[in-house]
Amino acid sequence: MAFNLENPFSNFIVLFSVCYLLATHFELFVNGDDGTADGFQVYVNGTDGVEVLVNGTDGFSPALGTWYGDRRGSGSGGACGWADDVKSPPFSSMIAAGNSRIFLGGKGCGNCYQIKCSRAPFCSGRPITVTVTDECPGRCNDVPFHFDLSGFAFGALANPGQDENLRNLGQVDIQYQRVPCNYGGTKIAFKIQAKSNPNWFATAIEYANGDGGLGSVEIAPAGSQAFVHMKNIWGAVWQFDINPSFRAPYSFRLTSSPTRKVVIATNAVPSGFVPGQTYFSNVNF
């Protein structure tokens, strides 16, 4: 950057502009296990106001890891609307609750991360993959990035025979990176909210491959391709006000975030659907 020695005021303007850009568009965190810098991550405000993560040069960034619930438990899908589905495949108890920068007010539901730890002799150093299915509020926000894992997933970070010793620590410095979700042959599912009725329909959407998270969801009634936008009311739950003429089976057009890939789940929720039940589509990203 060149400075104009003859016009100090112009130099001030340049420096002010750069500082403003950094303050409003970037947040830098450097925090190694021993307090030294071993990587970095930057959050950049996108044009749509969504923060985009840029990981450090080795792909992994530092965070704090803890565990909750039973020592070998499955955690919860409560804050995303998935309840006890976390116990069963494809989640299989490999889940985490995220603090505000991970949970993202519900927009982080379904995002997948590799997590590893290196503290000897407890940690294996091998990454595990978890899905964000819950929120860790309050003290979890005392650090920039915090993953509160299920007891089962936390133990999976350990060397053989060290899982109980690792849990006894309560917390450990971890490294993490966002990765594509891969649920194998499992298709996207629609978990109908218990309060759905002839005038109000809501569903939690789960098991999306790739990005994991959804940027938009649209719904169409029986025999129609006239999709209309649903509203994300909390977690992974999407809602639409309906009337008796808006009949099932319902089809859905799903757009992932951030890559904006699109799939259409045709007739995914059948006529005569039952609130509280889960219905699987025949598609995934």
C-alpha atoms as a PDB file:
ATOM      1  CA  MET A   1       0.000   0.000   0.000  1.00  0.00           C
ATOM      2  CA  ALA A   2       1.437   3.424  -0.996  1.00  0.00           C
ATOM      3  CA  PHE A   3       1.111   6.466   1.264  1.00  0.00           C
ATOM      4  CA  ASN A   4       1.009  10.119   0.193  1.00  0.00           C
ATOM      5  CA  LEU A   5       3.645  11.879   2.299  1.00  0.00           C
ATOM      6  CA  GLU A   6       2.519  15.287   1.016  1.00  0.00           C
ATOM      7  CA  ASN A   7      -1.080  14.812   2.145  1.00  0.00           C
ATOM      8  CA  PRO A   8      -1.321  13.225   5.627  1.00  0.00           C
ATOM      9  CA  PHE A   9      -5.114  13.601   5.626  1.00  0.00           C
ATOM     10  CA  SER A  10      -5.435  11.256   2.655  1.00  0.00           C
ATOM     11  CA  ASN A  11      -3.346   8.714   4.557  1.00  0.00           C
ATOM     12  CA  PHE A  12      -5.791   8.961   7.469  1.00  0.00           C
ATOM     13  CA  ILE A  13      -8.707   8.309   5.129  1.00  0.00           C
ATOM     14  CA  VAL A  14      -7.002   5.202   3.708  1.00  0.00           C
ATOM     15  CA  LEU A  15      -6.204   3.819   7.158  1.00  0.00           C
ATOM     16  CA  PHE A  16      -9.709   4.549   8.435  1.00  0.00           C
ATOM     17  CA  SER A  17     -11.261   2.757   5.461  1.00  0.00           C
ATOM     18  CA  VAL A  18      -9.104  -0.313   5.946  1.00  0.00           C
ATOM     19  CA  CYS A  19      -9.858  -0.463   9.689  1.00  0.00           C
ATOM     20  CA  TYR A  20     -13.585  -0.079   9.033  1.00  0.00           C
ATOM     21  CA  LEU A  21     -13.508  -2.887   6.466  1.00  0.00           C
ATOM     22  CA  LEU A  22     -11.766  -5.199   8.898  1.00  0.00           C
ATOM     23  CA  ALA A  23     -14.062  -4.281  11.767  1.00  0.00           C
ATOM     24  CA  THR A  24     -17.271  -4.829   9.817  1.00  0.00           C
ATOM     25  CA  HIS A  25     -16.352  -7.800   7.650  1.00  0.00           C
ATOM     26  CA  PHE A  26     -13.736  -9.880   9.445  1.00  0.00           C
ATOM     27  CA  GLU A  27     -13.239 -11.537  12.802  1.00  0.00           C
ATOM     28  CA  LEU A  28      -9.927 -13.296  13.407  1.00  0.00           C
ATOM     29  CA  PHE A  29      -9.368 -15.932  16.057  1.00  0.00           C
ATOM     30  CA  VAL A  30      -5.978 -17.510  16.741  1.00  0.00           C
ATOM     31  CA  ASN A  31      -5.867 -19.907  19.682  1.00  0.00           C
ATOM     32  CA  GLY A  32      -3.726 -23.012  19.923  1.00  0.00           C
ATOM     33  CA  ASP A  33      -3.966 -25.742  22.574  1.00  0.00           C
ATOM     34  CA  ASP A  34      -0.989 -24.255  24.413  1.00  0.00           C
ATOM     35  CA  GLY A  35      -1.931 -20.647  23.810  1.00  0.00           C
ATOM     36  CA  THR A  36       0.207 -20.297  20.708  1.00  0.00           C
ATOM     37  CA  ALA A  37      -1.076 -19.617  17.215  1.00  0.00           C
ATOM     38  CA  ASP A  38      -1.517 -22.845  15.291  1.00  0.00           C
ATOM     39  CA  GLY A  39      -4.097 -21.860  12.731  1.00  0.00           C
ATOM     40  CA  PHE A  40      -6.683 -19.236  12.035  1.00  0.00           C
ATOM     41  CA  GLN A  41     -10.224 -18.747  10.925  1.00  0.00           C
ATOM     42  CA  VAL A  42     -11.989 -15.743   9.526  1.00  0.00           C
ATOM     43  CA  TYR A  43     -15.703 -15.032   9.369  1.00  0.00           C
ATOM     44  CA  VAL A  44     -16.656 -12.945   6.352  1.00  0.00           C
ATOM     45  CA  ASN A  45     -20.050 -11.275   6.101  1.00  0.00           C
ATOM     46  CA  GLY A  46     -21.558 -12.319   2.781  1.00  0.00           C
ATOM     47  CA  THR A  47     -23.806 -10.160   0.654  1.00  0.00           C
ATOM     48  CA  ASP A  48     -26.857 -11.831   2.194  1.00  0.00           C
ATOM     49  CA  GLY A  49     -25.672 -11.144   5.725  1.00  0.00           C
ATOM     50  CA  VAL A  50     -24.695 -14.760   6.367  1.00  0.00           C
ATOM     51  CA  GLU A  51     -21.275 -15.354   7.878  1.00  0.00           C
ATOM     52  CA  VAL A  52     -19.027 -17.625   5.803  1.00  0.00           C
ATOM     53  CA  LEU A  53     -16.259 -19.582   7.503  1.00  0.00           C
ATOM     54  CA  VAL A  54     -12.728 -19.634   6.120  1.00  0.00           C
ATOM     55  CA  ASN A  55     -10.601 -22.222   7.933  1.00  0.00           C
ATOM     56  CA  GLY A  56      -6.899 -22.088   8.711  1.00  0.00           C
ATOM     57  CA  THR A  57      -4.196 -23.231   6.357  1.00  0.00           C
ATOM     58  CA  ASP A  58      -4.331 -26.849   7.602  1.00  0.00           C
ATOM     59  CA  GLY A  59      -8.122 -27.001   7.273  1.00  0.00           C
ATOM     60  CA  PHE A  60      -8.720 -27.264  11.020  1.00  0.00           C
ATOM     61  CA  SER A  61      -9.425 -24.453  13.475  1.00  0.00           C
ATOM     62  CA  PRO A  62      -9.321 -24.381  17.291  1.00  0.00           C
ATOM     63  CA  ALA A  63     -12.349 -24.720  19.579  1.00  0.00           C
ATOM     64  CA  LEU A  64     -13.348 -26.068  22.975  1.00  0.00           C
ATOM     65  CA  GLY A  65     -14.949 -29.484  23.322  1.00  0.00           C
ATOM     66  CA  THR A  66     -17.150 -30.721  26.181  1.00  0.00           C
ATOM     67  CA  TRP A  67     -19.831 -33.391  26.551  1.00  0.00           C
ATOM     68  CA  TYR A  68     -23.338 -33.534  28.021  1.00  0.00           C
ATOM     69  CA  GLY A  69     -25.984 -36.024  29.073  1.00  0.00           C
ATOM     70  CA  ASP A  70     -25.193 -39.642  29.878  1.00  0.00           C
ATOM     71  CA  ARG A  71     -21.570 -40.730  29.694  1.00  0.00           C
ATOM     72  CA  ARG A  72     -22.310 -42.935  26.675  1.00  0.00           C
ATOM     73  CA  GLY A  73     -25.490 -41.114  25.718  1.00  0.00           C
ATOM     74  CA  SER A  74     -26.753 -39.830  22.398  1.00  0.00           C
ATOM     75  CA  GLY A  75     -27.288 -36.169  23.269  1.00  0.00           C
ATOM     76  CA  SER A  76     -30.363 -34.435  21.875  1.00  0.00           C
ATOM     77  CA  GLY A  77     -31.945 -33.130  18.706  1.00  0.00           C
ATOM     78  CA  GLY A  78     -34.272 -30.852  20.630  1.00  0.00           C
ATOM     79  CA  ALA A  79     -33.190 -27.396  19.454  1.00  0.00           C
ATOM     80  CA  CYS A  80     -33.312 -28.520  15.813  1.00  0.00           C
ATOM     81  CA  GLY A  81     -36.661 -30.328  16.064  1.00  0.00           C
ATOM     82  CA  TRP A  82     -35.290 -33.852  15.699  1.00  0.00           C
ATOM     83  CA  ALA A  83     -35.898 -35.035  19.287  1.00  0.00           C
ATOM     84  CA  ASP A  84     -34.652 -38.586  19.875  1.00  0.00           C
ATOM     85  CA  ASP A  85     -33.845 -39.295  16.209  1.00  0.00           C
ATOM     86  CA  VAL A  86     -30.204 -38.678  17.184  1.00  0.00           C
ATOM     87  CA  LYS A  87     -30.116 -42.128  18.811  1.00  0.00           C
ATOM     88  CA  SER A  88     -30.731 -43.981  15.566  1.00  0.00           C
ATOM     89  CA  PRO A  89     -28.901 -44.258  12.231  1.00  0.00           C
ATOM     90  CA  PRO A  90     -27.749 -42.291  10.387  1.00  0.00           C
ATOM     91  CA  PHE A  91     -26.974 -39.926  13.310  1.00  0.00           C
ATOM     92  CA  SER A  92     -26.106 -42.877  15.543  1.00  0.00           C
ATOM     93  CA  SER A  93     -25.379 -40.608  18.534  1.00  0.00           C
ATOM     94  CA  MET A  94     -22.536 -38.847  16.676  1.00  0.00           C
ATOM     95  CA  ILE A  95     -23.897 -35.364  17.305  1.00  0.00           C
ATOM     96  CA  ALA A  96     -22.982 -32.064  18.923  1.00  0.00           C
ATOM     97  CA  ALA A  97     -24.649 -28.993  20.357  1.00  0.00           C
ATOM     98  CA  GLY A  98     -23.025 -25.798  19.124  1.00  0.00           C
ATOM     99  CA  ASN A  99     -22.631 -22.385  20.673  1.00  0.00           C
ATOM    100  CA  SER A 100     -24.008 -19.317  18.908  1.00  0.00           C
ATOM    101  CA  ARG A 101     -21.331 -19.269  16.182  1.00  0.00           C
ATOM    102  CA  ILE A 102     -21.957 -22.938  15.405  1.00  0.00           C
ATOM    103  CA  PHE A 103     -25.722 -23.155  15.930  1.00  0.00           C
ATOM    104  CA  LEU A 104     -26.317 -19.860  14.083  1.00  0.00           C
ATOM    105  CA  GLY A 105     -29.795 -19.347  15.473  1.00  0.00           C
ATOM    106  CA  GLY A 106     -30.868 -22.676  13.987  1.00  0.00           C
ATOM    107  CA  LYS A 107     -29.227 -22.152  10.586  1.00  0.00           C
ATOM    108  CA  GLY A 108     -26.424 -24.455  11.736  1.00  0.00           C
ATOM    109  CA  CYS A 109     -28.771 -27.419  12.222  1.00  0.00           C
ATOM    110  CA  GLY A 110     -27.608 -30.298  10.054  1.00  0.00           C
ATOM    111  CA  ASN A 111     -24.116 -28.934   9.399  1.00  0.00           C
ATOM    112  CA  CYS A 112     -21.397 -31.570   9.681  1.00  0.00           C
ATOM    113  CA  TYR A 113     -17.946 -31.171  11.202  1.00  0.00           C
ATOM    114  CA  GLN A 114     -14.815 -33.212  11.632  1.00  0.00           C
ATOM    115  CA  ILE A 115     -13.471 -32.904  15.167  1.00  0.00           C
ATOM    116  CA  LYS A 116     -10.235 -34.199  16.679  1.00  0.00           C
ATOM    117  CA  CYS A 117      -8.131 -33.668  19.791  1.00  0.00           C
ATOM    118  CA  SER A 118      -4.444 -34.260  20.479  1.00  0.00           C
ATOM    119  CA  ARG A 119      -4.047 -34.224  24.259  1.00  0.00           C
ATOM    120  CA  ALA A 120      -1.879 -37.184  25.301  1.00  0.00           C
ATOM    121  CA  PRO A 121      -2.473 -39.869  26.370  1.00  0.00           C
ATOM    122  CA  PHE A 122      -6.221 -39.486  26.064  1.00  0.00           C
ATOM    123  CA  CYS A 123      -6.862 -38.337  22.487  1.00  0.00           C
ATOM    124  CA  SER A 124      -6.326 -40.419  19.368  1.00  0.00           C
ATOM    125  CA  GLY A 125      -5.774 -37.449  17.052  1.00  0.00           C
ATOM    126  CA  ARG A 126      -8.060 -39.100  14.508  1.00  0.00           C
ATOM    127  CA  PRO A 127     -11.026 -36.989  13.369  1.00  0.00           C
ATOM    128  CA  ILE A 128     -14.605 -38.035  13.994  1.00  0.00           C
ATOM    129  CA  THR A 129     -17.599 -36.610  12.122  1.00  0.00           C
ATOM    130  CA  VAL A 130     -20.560 -35.144  13.992  1.00  0.00           C
ATOM    131  CA  THR A 131     -23.773 -33.367  13.006  1.00  0.00           C
ATOM    132  CA  VAL A 132     -25.017 -30.243  14.767  1.00  0.00           C
ATOM    133  CA  THR A 133     -28.423 -31.200  16.196  1.00  0.00           C
ATOM    134  CA  ASP A 134     -28.721 -29.013  19.282  1.00  0.00           C
ATOM    135  CA  GLU A 135     -27.741 -25.677  20.840  1.00  0.00           C
ATOM    136  CA  CYS A 136     -25.335 -25.028  23.707  1.00  0.00           C
ATOM    137  CA  PRO A 137     -26.274 -21.593  25.126  1.00  0.00           C
ATOM    138  CA  GLY A 138     -24.998 -19.564  28.064  1.00  0.00           C
ATOM    139  CA  ARG A 139     -21.442 -20.324  29.188  1.00  0.00           C
ATOM    140  CA  CYS A 140     -20.707 -22.087  25.910  1.00  0.00           C
ATOM    141  CA  ASN A 141     -20.414 -18.592  24.446  1.00  0.00           C
ATOM    142  CA  ASP A 142     -17.530 -17.678  26.766  1.00  0.00           C
ATOM    143  CA  VAL A 143     -15.229 -18.866  23.985  1.00  0.00           C
ATOM    144  CA  PRO A 144     -15.582 -18.112  20.255  1.00  0.00           C
ATOM    145  CA  PHE A 145     -16.300 -21.705  19.188  1.00  0.00           C
ATOM    146  CA  HIS A 146     -17.597 -24.457  21.457  1.00  0.00           C
ATOM    147  CA  PHE A 147     -18.875 -27.951  20.641  1.00  0.00           C
ATOM    148  CA  ASP A 148     -20.801 -29.760  23.401  1.00  0.00           C
ATOM    149  CA  LEU A 149     -20.750 -33.356  22.178  1.00  0.00           C
ATOM    150  CA  SER A 150     -22.894 -36.297  23.161  1.00  0.00           C
ATOM    151  CA  GLY A 151     -21.158 -38.521  25.690  1.00  0.00           C
ATOM    152  CA  PHE A 152     -20.848 -41.182  23.003  1.00  0.00           C
ATOM    153  CA  ALA A 153     -19.229 -38.843  20.451  1.00  0.00           C
ATOM    154  CA  PHE A 154     -16.848 -37.338  23.021  1.00  0.00           C
ATOM    155  CA  GLY A 155     -15.622 -40.816  23.898  1.00  0.00           C
ATOM    156  CA  ALA A 156     -15.020 -41.520  20.202  1.00  0.00           C
ATOM    157  CA  LEU A 157     -12.223 -38.906  20.270  1.00  0.00           C
ATOM    158  CA  ALA A 158     -10.182 -41.095  22.620  1.00  0.00           C
ATOM    159  CA  ASN A 159      -7.446 -43.633  22.190  1.00  0.00           C
ATOM    160  CA  PRO A 160      -8.569 -47.230  22.834  1.00  0.00           C
ATOM    161  CA  GLY A 161      -9.255 -47.690  26.524  1.00  0.00           C
ATOM    162  CA  GLN A 162      -9.043 -43.952  27.260  1.00  0.00           C
ATOM    163  CA  ASP A 163     -12.656 -42.920  26.633  1.00  0.00           C
ATOM    164  CA  GLU A 164     -13.648 -42.819  30.313  1.00  0.00           C
ATOM    165  CA  ASN A 165     -10.469 -40.961  31.238  1.00  0.00           C
ATOM    166  CA  LEU A 166     -11.156 -38.416  28.501  1.00  0.00           C
ATOM    167  CA  ARG A 167     -14.725 -37.914  29.742  1.00  0.00           C
ATOM    168  CA  ASN A 168     -13.373 -37.418  33.247  1.00  0.00           C
ATOM    169  CA  LEU A 169     -11.471 -34.375  32.004  1.00  0.00           C
ATOM    170  CA  GLY A 170     -14.812 -32.735  31.263  1.00  0.00           C
ATOM    171  CA  GLN A 171     -13.361 -30.577  28.510  1.00  0.00           C
ATOM    172  CA  VAL A 172     -10.515 -30.617  26.029  1.00  0.00           C
ATOM    173  CA  ASP A 173      -9.100 -28.342  23.352  1.00  0.00           C
ATOM    174  CA  ILE A 174     -10.203 -29.597  19.948  1.00  0.00           C
ATOM    175  CA  GLN A 175      -9.697 -28.799  16.285  1.00  0.00           C
ATOM    176  CA  TYR A 176     -12.587 -28.756  13.847  1.00  0.00           C
ATOM    177  CA  GLN A 177     -13.493 -28.172  10.223  1.00  0.00           C
ATOM    178  CA  ARG A 178     -16.762 -28.077   8.277  1.00  0.00           C
ATOM    179  CA  VAL A 179     -17.183 -31.069   5.958  1.00  0.00           C
ATOM    180  CA  PRO A 180     -19.933 -32.320   3.625  1.00  0.00           C
ATOM    181  CA  CYS A 181     -22.548 -34.529   5.255  1.00  0.00           C
ATOM    182  CA  ASN A 182     -22.810 -38.069   3.953  1.00  0.00           C
ATOM    183  CA  TYR A 183     -25.617 -40.286   5.247  1.00  0.00           C
ATOM    184  CA  GLY A 184     -25.100 -43.047   2.719  1.00  0.00           C
ATOM    185  CA  GLY A 185     -28.335 -44.295   1.216  1.00  0.00           C
ATOM    186  CA  THR A 186     -30.574 -42.435   3.687  1.00  0.00           C
ATOM    187  CA  LYS A 187     -32.976 -40.044   1.987  1.00  0.00           C
ATOM    188  CA  ILE A 188     -34.158 -36.660   3.215  1.00  0.00           C
ATOM    189  CA  ALA A 189     -36.909 -37.050   5.816  1.00  0.00           C
ATOM    190  CA  PHE A 190     -39.822 -34.873   6.928  1.00  0.00           C
ATOM    191  CA  LYS A 191     -40.727 -35.079  10.619  1.00  0.00           C
ATOM    192  CA  ILE A 192     -44.245 -33.621  10.878  1.00  0.00           C
ATOM    193  CA  GLN A 193     -44.734 -31.338  13.866  1.00  0.00           C
ATOM    194  CA  ALA A 194     -47.293 -32.584  16.380  1.00  0.00           C
ATOM    195  CA  LYS A 195     -49.360 -29.378  16.222  1.00  0.00           C
ATOM    196  CA  SER A 196     -49.874 -29.521  12.445  1.00  0.00           C
ATOM    197  CA  ASN A 197     -53.542 -29.220  11.482  1.00  0.00           C
ATOM    198  CA  PRO A 198     -55.751 -28.380   8.439  1.00  0.00           C
ATOM    199  CA  ASN A 199     -54.763 -24.703   8.722  1.00  0.00           C
ATOM    200  CA  TRP A 200     -51.138 -24.928   9.833  1.00  0.00           C
ATOM    201  CA  PHE A 201     -48.412 -27.274   8.617  1.00  0.00           C
ATOM    202  CA  ALA A 202     -44.879 -27.559   9.934  1.00  0.00           C
ATOM    203  CA  THR A 203     -42.105 -30.095   9.473  1.00  0.00           C
ATOM    204  CA  ALA A 204     -38.553 -30.611  10.638  1.00  0.00           C
ATOM    205  CA  ILE A 205     -36.301 -31.634   7.724  1.00  0.00           C
ATOM    206  CA  GLU A 206     -33.386 -33.953   8.385  1.00  0.00           C
ATOM    207  CA  TYR A 207     -30.606 -36.094   6.861  1.00  0.00           C
ATOM    208  CA  ALA A 208     -29.622 -33.699   4.048  1.00  0.00           C
ATOM    209  CA  ASN A 209     -26.348 -34.712   2.417  1.00  0.00           C
ATOM    210  CA  GLY A 210     -23.754 -32.204   1.262  1.00  0.00           C
ATOM    211  CA  ASP A 211     -24.183 -28.794   2.909  1.00  0.00           C
ATOM    212  CA  GLY A 212     -26.458 -30.262   5.571  1.00  0.00           C
ATOM    213  CA  GLY A 213     -28.204 -26.954   6.144  1.00  0.00           C
ATOM    214  CA  LEU A 214     -31.035 -25.558   4.037  1.00  0.00           C
ATOM    215  CA  GLY A 215     -31.275 -21.997   2.735  1.00  0.00           C
ATOM    216  CA  SER A 216     -34.874 -22.204   1.569  1.00  0.00           C
ATOM    217  CA  VAL A 217     -37.773 -24.666   1.481  1.00  0.00           C
ATOM    218  CA  GLU A 218     -40.806 -24.479  -0.802  1.00  0.00           C
ATOM    219  CA  ILE A 219     -43.973 -26.575  -0.736  1.00  0.00           C
ATOM    220  CA  ALA A 220     -46.516 -27.521  -3.414  1.00  0.00           C
ATOM    221  CA  PRO A 221     -49.892 -29.279  -3.015  1.00  0.00           C
ATOM    222  CA  ALA A 222     -51.100 -32.415  -4.764  1.00  0.00           C
ATOM    223  CA  GLY A 223     -50.743 -32.393  -8.524  1.00  0.00           C
ATOM    224  CA  SER A 224     -49.071 -28.984  -8.651  1.00  0.00           C
ATOM    225  CA  GLN A 225     -45.646 -27.550  -9.389  1.00  0.00           C
ATOM    226  CA  ALA A 226     -46.632 -24.121  -8.026  1.00  0.00           C
ATOM    227  CA  PHE A 227     -44.154 -24.049  -5.157  1.00  0.00           C
ATOM    228  CA  VAL A 228     -44.537 -21.449  -2.400  1.00  0.00           C
ATOM    229  CA  HIS A 229     -41.976 -20.516   0.230  1.00  0.00           C
ATOM    230  CA  MET A 230     -42.140 -21.906   3.733  1.00  0.00           C
ATOM    231  CA  LYS A 231     -40.874 -20.024   6.795  1.00  0.00           C
ATOM    232  CA  ASN A 232     -38.046 -21.294   8.995  1.00  0.00           C
ATOM    233  CA  ILE A 233     -39.610 -20.744  12.436  1.00  0.00           C
ATOM    234  CA  TRP A 234     -36.952 -22.420  14.617  1.00  0.00           C
ATOM    235  CA  GLY A 235     -34.150 -24.960  14.312  1.00  0.00           C
ATOM    236  CA  ALA A 236     -34.719 -27.123  11.247  1.00  0.00           C
ATOM    237  CA  VAL A 237     -38.505 -26.610  11.402  1.00  0.00           C
ATOM    238  CA  TRP A 238     -40.269 -25.014   8.409  1.00  0.00           C
ATOM    239  CA  GLN A 239     -43.889 -23.821   8.485  1.00  0.00           C
ATOM    240  CA  PHE A 240     -46.652 -22.847   6.050  1.00  0.00           C
ATOM    241  CA  ASP A 241     -50.183 -21.580   6.657  1.00  0.00           C
ATOM    242  CA  ILE A 242     -52.526 -23.759   4.614  1.00  0.00           C
ATOM    243  CA  ASN A 243     -56.237 -24.055   3.903  1.00  0.00           C
ATOM    244  CA  PRO A 244     -58.431 -27.077   3.073  1.00  0.00           C
ATOM    245  CA  SER A 245     -57.864 -26.608  -0.675  1.00  0.00           C
ATOM    246  CA  PHE A 246     -54.091 -27.053  -0.183  1.00  0.00           C
ATOM    247  CA  ARG A 247     -54.185 -30.839  -0.108  1.00  0.00           C
ATOM    248  CA  ALA A 248     -51.495 -33.483   0.364  1.00  0.00           C
ATOM    249  CA  PRO A 249     -49.513 -35.268  -0.898  1.00  0.00           C
ATOM    250  CA  TYR A 250     -47.029 -32.423  -0.520  1.00  0.00           C
ATOM    251  CA  SER A 251     -43.923 -31.947  -2.640  1.00  0.00           C
ATOM    252  CA  PHE A 252     -40.929 -29.855  -1.590  1.00  0.00           C
ATOM    253  CA  ARG A 253     -38.226 -27.897  -3.401  1.00  0.00           C
ATOM    254  CA  LEU A 254     -35.164 -27.703  -1.163  1.00  0.00           C
ATOM    255  CA  THR A 255     -32.210 -25.357  -1.656  1.00  0.00           C
ATOM    256  CA  SER A 256     -29.052 -26.106   0.303  1.00  0.00           C
ATOM    257  CA  SER A 257     -26.853 -23.513   1.981  1.00  0.00           C
ATOM    258  CA  PRO A 258     -24.319 -22.204   1.128  1.00  0.00           C
ATOM    259  CA  THR A 259     -23.847 -23.941  -2.262  1.00  0.00           C
ATOM    260  CA  ARG A 260     -27.529 -23.464  -3.274  1.00  0.00           C
ATOM    261  CA  LYS A 261     -27.992 -26.895  -4.793  1.00  0.00           C
ATOM    262  CA  VAL A 262     -31.618 -27.836  -5.442  1.00  0.00           C
ATOM    263  CA  VAL A 263     -33.563 -31.086  -5.152  1.00  0.00           C
ATOM    264  CA  ILE A 264     -37.302 -31.729  -5.473  1.00  0.00           C
ATOM    265  CA  ALA A 265     -38.916 -34.276  -3.174  1.00  0.00           C
ATOM    266  CA  THR A 266     -42.101 -35.235  -4.999  1.00  0.00           C
ATOM    267  CA  ASN A 267     -45.093 -36.405  -2.948  1.00  0.00           C
ATOM    268  CA  ALA A 268     -42.840 -36.744   0.095  1.00  0.00           C
ATOM    269  CA  VAL A 269     -45.634 -36.217   2.643  1.00  0.00           C
ATOM    270  CA  PRO A 270     -48.666 -38.383   1.759  1.00  0.00           C
ATOM    271  CA  SER A 271     -52.350 -37.600   1.968  1.00  0.00           C
ATOM    272  CA  GLY A 272     -53.642 -38.657   5.340  1.00  0.00           C
ATOM    273  CA  PHE A 273     -50.289 -37.859   6.972  1.00  0.00           C
ATOM    274  CA  VAL A 274     -50.169 -38.130  10.757  1.00  0.00           C
ATOM    275  CA  PRO A 275     -48.675 -35.327  12.913  1.00  0.00           C
ATOM    276  CA  GLY A 276     -45.699 -36.633  14.846  1.00  0.00           C
ATOM    277  CA  GLN A 277     -44.745 -39.147  12.158  1.00  0.00           C
ATOM    278  CA  THR A 278     -41.650 -39.051   9.927  1.00  0.00           C
ATOM    279  CA  TYR A 279     -41.864 -39.591   6.162  1.00  0.00           C
ATOM    280  CA  PHE A 280     -38.874 -40.325   3.950  1.00  0.00           C
ATOM    281  CA  SER A 281     -38.549 -38.913   0.441  1.00  0.00           C
ATOM    282  CA  ASN A 282     -36.785 -40.658  -2.434  1.00  0.00           C
ATOM    283  CA  VAL A 283     -34.112 -37.960  -2.936  1.00  0.00           C
ATOM    284  CA  ASN A 284     -31.046 -36.411  -1.356  1.00  0.00           C
ATOM    285  CA  PHE A 285     -28.353 -33.952  -2.393  1.00  0.00           C
END
